């Protein structure tokens, strides 16, 4: 479903949902090999990548929002998140598995805290 009527809160909700799914699917997996050693692991990796793409798409929309909701958190590399979405969308076959796993393990937890704080404002 696509809607031009998404509010900032709607977009933040989609990001949070994606983060929670990534955390569920990546549970117990710390390295690219943890994903690539089984069919289910590969499916979980691909699902996480697609949700990272969803996060990037929503961040891109929020970066263009007139209220500038993301400006309160300059420590988050919002443009890099959006850029990763573009890489996934246009260069899926060339995705760096180490980078994706690093994002899942290191960046997603920090992003979740910020999104939860933002949601309290909307």
N, C-alpha and C. Protein backbone atom coordinates (compact mmCIF):
# COMPACT_ATOMS: atom_id res chain seq x y z
N UNK A 1 0.85 -1.18 0.00
CA UNK A 1 0.00 0.00 0.00
C UNK A 1 0.89 1.24 0.00
N UNK A 2 0.60 2.15 -0.88
CA UNK A 2 1.35 3.40 -0.95
C UNK A 2 0.40 4.55 -0.69
N UNK A 3 0.86 5.48 0.10
CA UNK A 3 0.03 6.64 0.37
C UNK A 3 0.89 7.88 0.48
N UNK A 4 0.45 8.91 -0.19
CA UNK A 4 1.11 10.21 -0.04
C UNK A 4 0.67 10.88 1.24
N UNK A 5 -0.30 10.31 1.93
CA UNK A 5 -0.86 10.91 3.13
C UNK A 5 -0.20 10.41 4.41
N UNK A 6 0.91 9.69 4.29
CA UNK A 6 1.62 9.23 5.48
C UNK A 6 2.04 10.42 6.31
N UNK A 7 1.82 10.33 7.60
CA UNK A 7 2.28 11.36 8.51
C UNK A 7 3.69 11.01 8.97
N UNK A 8 4.30 11.95 9.67
CA UNK A 8 5.62 11.67 10.26
C UNK A 8 5.50 10.46 11.17
N UNK A 9 4.47 10.43 11.98
CA UNK A 9 4.28 9.29 12.89
C UNK A 9 4.14 7.97 12.12
N UNK A 10 3.40 7.98 11.03
CA UNK A 10 3.25 6.77 10.21
C UNK A 10 4.62 6.27 9.75
N UNK A 11 5.44 7.19 9.28
CA UNK A 11 6.76 6.82 8.77
C UNK A 11 7.65 6.30 9.90
N UNK A 12 7.58 6.94 11.06
CA UNK A 12 8.36 6.47 12.21
C UNK A 12 7.89 5.09 12.65
N UNK A 13 6.59 4.86 12.60
CA UNK A 13 6.04 3.54 12.95
C UNK A 13 6.56 2.46 12.00
N UNK A 14 6.63 2.78 10.71
CA UNK A 14 7.15 1.82 9.73
C UNK A 14 8.62 1.52 10.02
N UNK A 15 9.38 2.55 10.35
CA UNK A 15 10.79 2.35 10.68
C UNK A 15 10.93 1.46 11.91
N UNK A 16 10.16 1.76 12.95
CA UNK A 16 10.24 0.96 14.17
C UNK A 16 9.83 -0.49 13.91
N UNK A 17 8.77 -0.69 13.15
CA UNK A 17 8.36 -2.05 12.81
C UNK A 17 9.49 -2.79 12.08
N UNK A 18 10.14 -2.11 11.15
CA UNK A 18 11.23 -2.72 10.40
C UNK A 18 12.39 -3.07 11.33
N UNK A 19 12.72 -2.18 12.23
CA UNK A 19 13.79 -2.44 13.19
C UNK A 19 13.47 -3.67 14.03
N UNK A 20 12.26 -3.74 14.52
CA UNK A 20 11.87 -4.87 15.37
C UNK A 20 11.91 -6.18 14.59
N UNK A 21 11.51 -6.17 13.33
CA UNK A 21 11.59 -7.38 12.51
C UNK A 21 13.05 -7.76 12.27
N UNK A 22 13.89 -6.79 11.96
CA UNK A 22 15.32 -7.07 11.77
C UNK A 22 15.90 -7.70 13.02
N UNK A 23 15.58 -7.14 14.18
CA UNK A 23 16.11 -7.69 15.42
C UNK A 23 15.61 -9.12 15.67
N UNK A 24 14.37 -9.38 15.33
CA UNK A 24 13.82 -10.74 15.48
C UNK A 24 14.52 -11.71 14.54
N UNK A 25 14.65 -11.34 13.28
CA UNK A 25 15.22 -12.23 12.28
C UNK A 25 16.73 -12.42 12.45
N UNK A 26 17.40 -11.46 13.06
CA UNK A 26 18.86 -11.55 13.21
C UNK A 26 19.27 -12.13 14.56
N UNK A 27 18.32 -12.41 15.42
CA UNK A 27 18.61 -12.92 16.75
C UNK A 27 19.47 -14.18 16.67
N UNK A 28 20.60 -14.14 17.38
CA UNK A 28 21.51 -15.28 17.39
C UNK A 28 22.48 -15.33 16.23
N UNK A 29 22.45 -14.33 15.39
CA UNK A 29 23.35 -14.28 14.24
C UNK A 29 24.23 -13.05 14.37
N UNK A 30 25.55 -13.26 14.43
CA UNK A 30 26.47 -12.15 14.67
C UNK A 30 27.41 -11.88 13.50
N UNK A 31 27.53 -12.83 12.57
CA UNK A 31 28.47 -12.69 11.45
C UNK A 31 27.75 -13.05 10.15
N UNK A 32 28.30 -12.64 9.02
CA UNK A 32 27.71 -13.05 7.75
C UNK A 32 27.61 -14.58 7.63
N UNK A 33 28.61 -15.28 8.13
CA UNK A 33 28.57 -16.75 8.06
C UNK A 33 27.38 -17.32 8.81
N UNK A 34 26.98 -16.66 9.90
CA UNK A 34 25.81 -17.14 10.65
C UNK A 34 24.55 -17.12 9.79
N UNK A 35 24.51 -16.21 8.84
CA UNK A 35 23.36 -16.14 7.92
C UNK A 35 23.53 -17.11 6.75
N UNK A 36 24.73 -17.19 6.23
CA UNK A 36 24.96 -17.88 4.96
C UNK A 36 25.09 -19.39 5.09
N UNK A 37 25.12 -19.91 6.30
CA UNK A 37 25.35 -21.35 6.45
C UNK A 37 24.08 -22.19 6.33
N UNK A 38 22.93 -21.54 6.20
CA UNK A 38 21.69 -22.30 6.04
C UNK A 38 20.73 -21.55 5.13
N UNK A 39 19.81 -22.29 4.57
CA UNK A 39 18.78 -21.69 3.72
C UNK A 39 17.96 -20.66 4.52
N UNK A 40 17.57 -21.03 5.74
CA UNK A 40 16.80 -20.10 6.58
C UNK A 40 17.61 -18.86 6.93
N UNK A 41 18.90 -19.04 7.13
CA UNK A 41 19.75 -17.89 7.42
C UNK A 41 19.84 -16.94 6.25
N UNK A 42 19.95 -17.49 5.05
CA UNK A 42 20.00 -16.65 3.84
C UNK A 42 18.68 -15.90 3.69
N UNK A 43 17.57 -16.60 3.94
CA UNK A 43 16.27 -15.92 3.86
C UNK A 43 16.18 -14.81 4.90
N UNK A 44 16.66 -15.06 6.11
CA UNK A 44 16.64 -14.03 7.15
C UNK A 44 17.50 -12.84 6.75
N UNK A 45 18.68 -13.12 6.18
CA UNK A 45 19.56 -12.04 5.72
C UNK A 45 18.86 -11.19 4.67
N UNK A 46 18.28 -11.85 3.68
CA UNK A 46 17.60 -11.12 2.61
C UNK A 46 16.42 -10.32 3.15
N UNK A 47 15.70 -10.88 4.10
CA UNK A 47 14.58 -10.15 4.71
C UNK A 47 15.08 -8.92 5.46
N UNK A 48 16.18 -9.08 6.18
CA UNK A 48 16.76 -7.94 6.91
C UNK A 48 17.20 -6.85 5.94
N UNK A 49 17.82 -7.24 4.85
CA UNK A 49 18.26 -6.27 3.84
C UNK A 49 17.07 -5.50 3.29
N UNK A 50 15.99 -6.21 3.01
CA UNK A 50 14.81 -5.52 2.47
C UNK A 50 14.23 -4.56 3.50
N UNK A 51 14.26 -4.92 4.77
CA UNK A 51 13.76 -4.00 5.79
C UNK A 51 14.70 -2.82 6.00
N UNK A 52 15.99 -3.01 5.79
CA UNK A 52 16.92 -1.88 5.81
C UNK A 52 16.57 -0.93 4.66
N UNK A 53 16.19 -1.50 3.54
CA UNK A 53 15.75 -0.69 2.41
C UNK A 53 14.49 0.10 2.76
N UNK A 54 13.55 -0.54 3.43
CA UNK A 54 12.32 0.14 3.87
C UNK A 54 12.66 1.30 4.80
N UNK A 55 13.56 1.06 5.74
CA UNK A 55 13.98 2.12 6.66
C UNK A 55 14.56 3.29 5.86
N UNK A 56 15.42 2.99 4.92
CA UNK A 56 16.03 4.05 4.11
C UNK A 56 15.02 4.84 3.31
N UNK A 57 14.02 4.15 2.79
CA UNK A 57 12.97 4.83 2.03
C UNK A 57 12.20 5.80 2.93
N UNK A 58 11.86 5.35 4.12
CA UNK A 58 11.11 6.22 5.05
C UNK A 58 11.98 7.38 5.54
N UNK A 59 13.25 7.11 5.78
CA UNK A 59 14.16 8.20 6.17
C UNK A 59 14.24 9.23 5.06
N UNK A 60 14.34 8.78 3.82
CA UNK A 60 14.37 9.71 2.69
C UNK A 60 13.15 10.61 2.65
N UNK A 61 11.98 10.04 2.92
CA UNK A 61 10.75 10.84 2.96
C UNK A 61 10.77 11.82 4.13
N UNK A 62 11.28 11.36 5.28
CA UNK A 62 11.33 12.25 6.45
C UNK A 62 12.35 13.37 6.27
N UNK A 63 13.42 13.10 5.53
CA UNK A 63 14.41 14.15 5.26
C UNK A 63 13.80 15.27 4.44
N UNK A 64 12.78 14.96 3.63
CA UNK A 64 12.12 15.96 2.79
C UNK A 64 10.92 16.60 3.47
N UNK A 65 10.54 16.08 4.64
CA UNK A 65 9.37 16.61 5.34
C UNK A 65 9.65 18.03 5.84
N UNK A 66 8.66 18.90 5.67
CA UNK A 66 8.80 20.31 6.06
C UNK A 66 9.11 20.50 7.54
N UNK A 67 8.63 19.60 8.38
CA UNK A 67 8.84 19.76 9.83
C UNK A 67 10.25 19.35 10.27
N UNK A 68 11.02 18.74 9.38
CA UNK A 68 12.41 18.35 9.65
C UNK A 68 12.55 17.56 10.96
N UNK A 69 11.80 16.47 11.12
CA UNK A 69 11.81 15.75 12.40
C UNK A 69 13.15 15.11 12.73
N UNK A 70 13.96 14.84 11.73
CA UNK A 70 15.22 14.15 11.98
C UNK A 70 16.35 15.09 12.39
N UNK A 71 16.14 16.39 12.21
CA UNK A 71 17.18 17.37 12.52
C UNK A 71 17.57 17.38 14.00
N UNK A 72 16.70 16.89 14.86
CA UNK A 72 17.00 16.88 16.30
C UNK A 72 18.05 15.83 16.67
N UNK A 73 18.39 14.98 15.72
CA UNK A 73 19.35 13.90 15.98
C UNK A 73 20.46 13.90 14.93
N UNK A 74 21.32 14.93 14.97
CA UNK A 74 22.38 15.02 13.97
C UNK A 74 23.44 13.93 14.12
N UNK A 75 23.45 13.24 15.25
CA UNK A 75 24.43 12.17 15.45
C UNK A 75 24.10 10.92 14.61
N UNK A 76 22.88 10.85 14.10
CA UNK A 76 22.49 9.73 13.25
C UNK A 76 22.80 10.11 11.80
N UNK A 77 23.50 9.26 11.07
CA UNK A 77 23.84 9.58 9.67
C UNK A 77 22.66 9.32 8.73
N UNK A 78 21.68 10.20 8.80
CA UNK A 78 20.43 10.01 8.05
C UNK A 78 20.66 9.85 6.55
N UNK A 79 21.53 10.67 6.01
CA UNK A 79 21.78 10.60 4.57
C UNK A 79 22.44 9.26 4.20
N UNK A 80 23.31 8.76 5.06
CA UNK A 80 23.94 7.45 4.80
C UNK A 80 22.90 6.34 4.83
N UNK A 81 21.91 6.46 5.71
CA UNK A 81 20.83 5.47 5.76
C UNK A 81 20.06 5.49 4.44
N UNK A 82 19.76 6.67 3.96
CA UNK A 82 19.07 6.78 2.68
C UNK A 82 19.95 6.28 1.53
N UNK A 83 21.23 6.59 1.59
CA UNK A 83 22.15 6.13 0.55
C UNK A 83 22.23 4.60 0.52
N UNK A 84 22.19 3.97 1.69
CA UNK A 84 22.22 2.51 1.73
C UNK A 84 20.97 1.95 1.05
N UNK A 85 19.87 2.61 1.23
CA UNK A 85 18.64 2.21 0.53
C UNK A 85 18.85 2.22 -0.97
N UNK A 86 19.52 3.26 -1.47
CA UNK A 86 19.77 3.36 -2.91
C UNK A 86 20.69 2.25 -3.39
N UNK A 87 21.70 1.92 -2.61
CA UNK A 87 22.61 0.83 -2.97
C UNK A 87 21.85 -0.49 -3.03
N UNK A 88 21.03 -0.74 -2.02
CA UNK A 88 20.23 -1.98 -2.01
C UNK A 88 19.31 -2.02 -3.22
N UNK A 89 18.67 -0.91 -3.51
CA UNK A 89 17.72 -0.86 -4.62
C UNK A 89 18.37 -1.06 -5.98
N UNK A 90 19.56 -0.52 -6.15
CA UNK A 90 20.15 -0.48 -7.48
C UNK A 90 21.34 -1.42 -7.67
N UNK A 91 21.89 -1.92 -6.59
CA UNK A 91 23.07 -2.79 -6.66
C UNK A 91 22.93 -4.00 -5.76
N UNK A 92 21.73 -4.59 -5.72
CA UNK A 92 21.43 -5.66 -4.77
C UNK A 92 22.44 -6.80 -4.84
N UNK A 93 22.88 -7.15 -6.03
CA UNK A 93 23.81 -8.27 -6.19
C UNK A 93 25.20 -7.96 -5.63
N UNK A 94 25.48 -6.69 -5.38
CA UNK A 94 26.80 -6.29 -4.90
C UNK A 94 26.80 -5.84 -3.44
N UNK A 95 25.81 -6.25 -2.68
CA UNK A 95 25.72 -5.82 -1.28
C UNK A 95 26.86 -6.42 -0.48
N UNK A 96 27.49 -5.60 0.33
CA UNK A 96 28.57 -6.03 1.22
C UNK A 96 27.95 -6.67 2.46
N UNK A 97 28.06 -7.98 2.57
CA UNK A 97 27.44 -8.71 3.67
C UNK A 97 27.99 -8.27 5.02
N UNK A 98 29.29 -7.98 5.09
CA UNK A 98 29.90 -7.53 6.35
C UNK A 98 29.30 -6.19 6.78
N UNK A 99 29.10 -5.29 5.82
CA UNK A 99 28.51 -3.99 6.13
C UNK A 99 27.08 -4.15 6.64
N UNK A 100 26.31 -4.99 5.98
CA UNK A 100 24.92 -5.21 6.40
C UNK A 100 24.87 -5.75 7.82
N UNK A 101 25.70 -6.74 8.12
CA UNK A 101 25.70 -7.33 9.46
C UNK A 101 26.18 -6.31 10.49
N UNK A 102 27.12 -5.47 10.12
CA UNK A 102 27.56 -4.41 11.02
C UNK A 102 26.43 -3.43 11.31
N UNK A 103 25.68 -3.07 10.28
CA UNK A 103 24.52 -2.18 10.46
C UNK A 103 23.51 -2.83 11.41
N UNK A 104 23.23 -4.11 11.18
CA UNK A 104 22.26 -4.82 12.02
C UNK A 104 22.73 -4.86 13.47
N UNK A 105 23.99 -5.21 13.68
CA UNK A 105 24.49 -5.39 15.05
C UNK A 105 24.81 -4.09 15.76
N UNK A 106 25.32 -3.10 15.04
CA UNK A 106 25.84 -1.89 15.69
C UNK A 106 24.93 -0.67 15.54
N UNK A 107 24.32 -0.51 14.40
CA UNK A 107 23.59 0.72 14.12
C UNK A 107 22.09 0.63 14.42
N UNK A 108 21.52 -0.51 14.17
CA UNK A 108 20.07 -0.67 14.37
C UNK A 108 19.66 -0.43 15.83
N UNK A 109 20.39 -0.95 16.83
CA UNK A 109 19.98 -0.67 18.22
C UNK A 109 19.98 0.83 18.55
N UNK A 110 20.98 1.56 18.09
CA UNK A 110 21.03 3.01 18.32
C UNK A 110 19.89 3.71 17.60
N UNK A 111 19.63 3.30 16.38
CA UNK A 111 18.54 3.90 15.61
C UNK A 111 17.20 3.65 16.30
N UNK A 112 17.03 2.46 16.85
CA UNK A 112 15.78 2.14 17.53
C UNK A 112 15.52 3.11 18.68
N UNK A 113 16.53 3.41 19.47
CA UNK A 113 16.37 4.34 20.59
C UNK A 113 15.92 5.72 20.10
N UNK A 114 16.52 6.19 19.03
CA UNK A 114 16.19 7.51 18.49
C UNK A 114 14.76 7.50 17.94
N UNK A 115 14.39 6.46 17.22
CA UNK A 115 13.04 6.40 16.66
C UNK A 115 12.01 6.34 17.79
N UNK A 116 12.29 5.59 18.83
CA UNK A 116 11.37 5.53 19.97
C UNK A 116 11.22 6.90 20.63
N UNK A 117 12.33 7.64 20.74
CA UNK A 117 12.25 9.00 21.29
C UNK A 117 11.44 9.91 20.38
N UNK A 118 11.68 9.83 19.09
CA UNK A 118 10.93 10.64 18.14
C UNK A 118 9.42 10.33 18.21
N UNK A 119 9.10 9.07 18.32
CA UNK A 119 7.68 8.68 18.38
C UNK A 119 6.97 9.28 19.58
N UNK A 120 7.70 9.54 20.64
CA UNK A 120 7.08 10.18 21.82
C UNK A 120 6.65 11.60 21.52
N UNK A 121 7.24 12.20 20.50
CA UNK A 121 6.90 13.57 20.12
C UNK A 121 5.71 13.65 19.16
N UNK A 122 5.31 12.50 18.60
CA UNK A 122 4.26 12.53 17.56
C UNK A 122 3.06 11.74 17.96
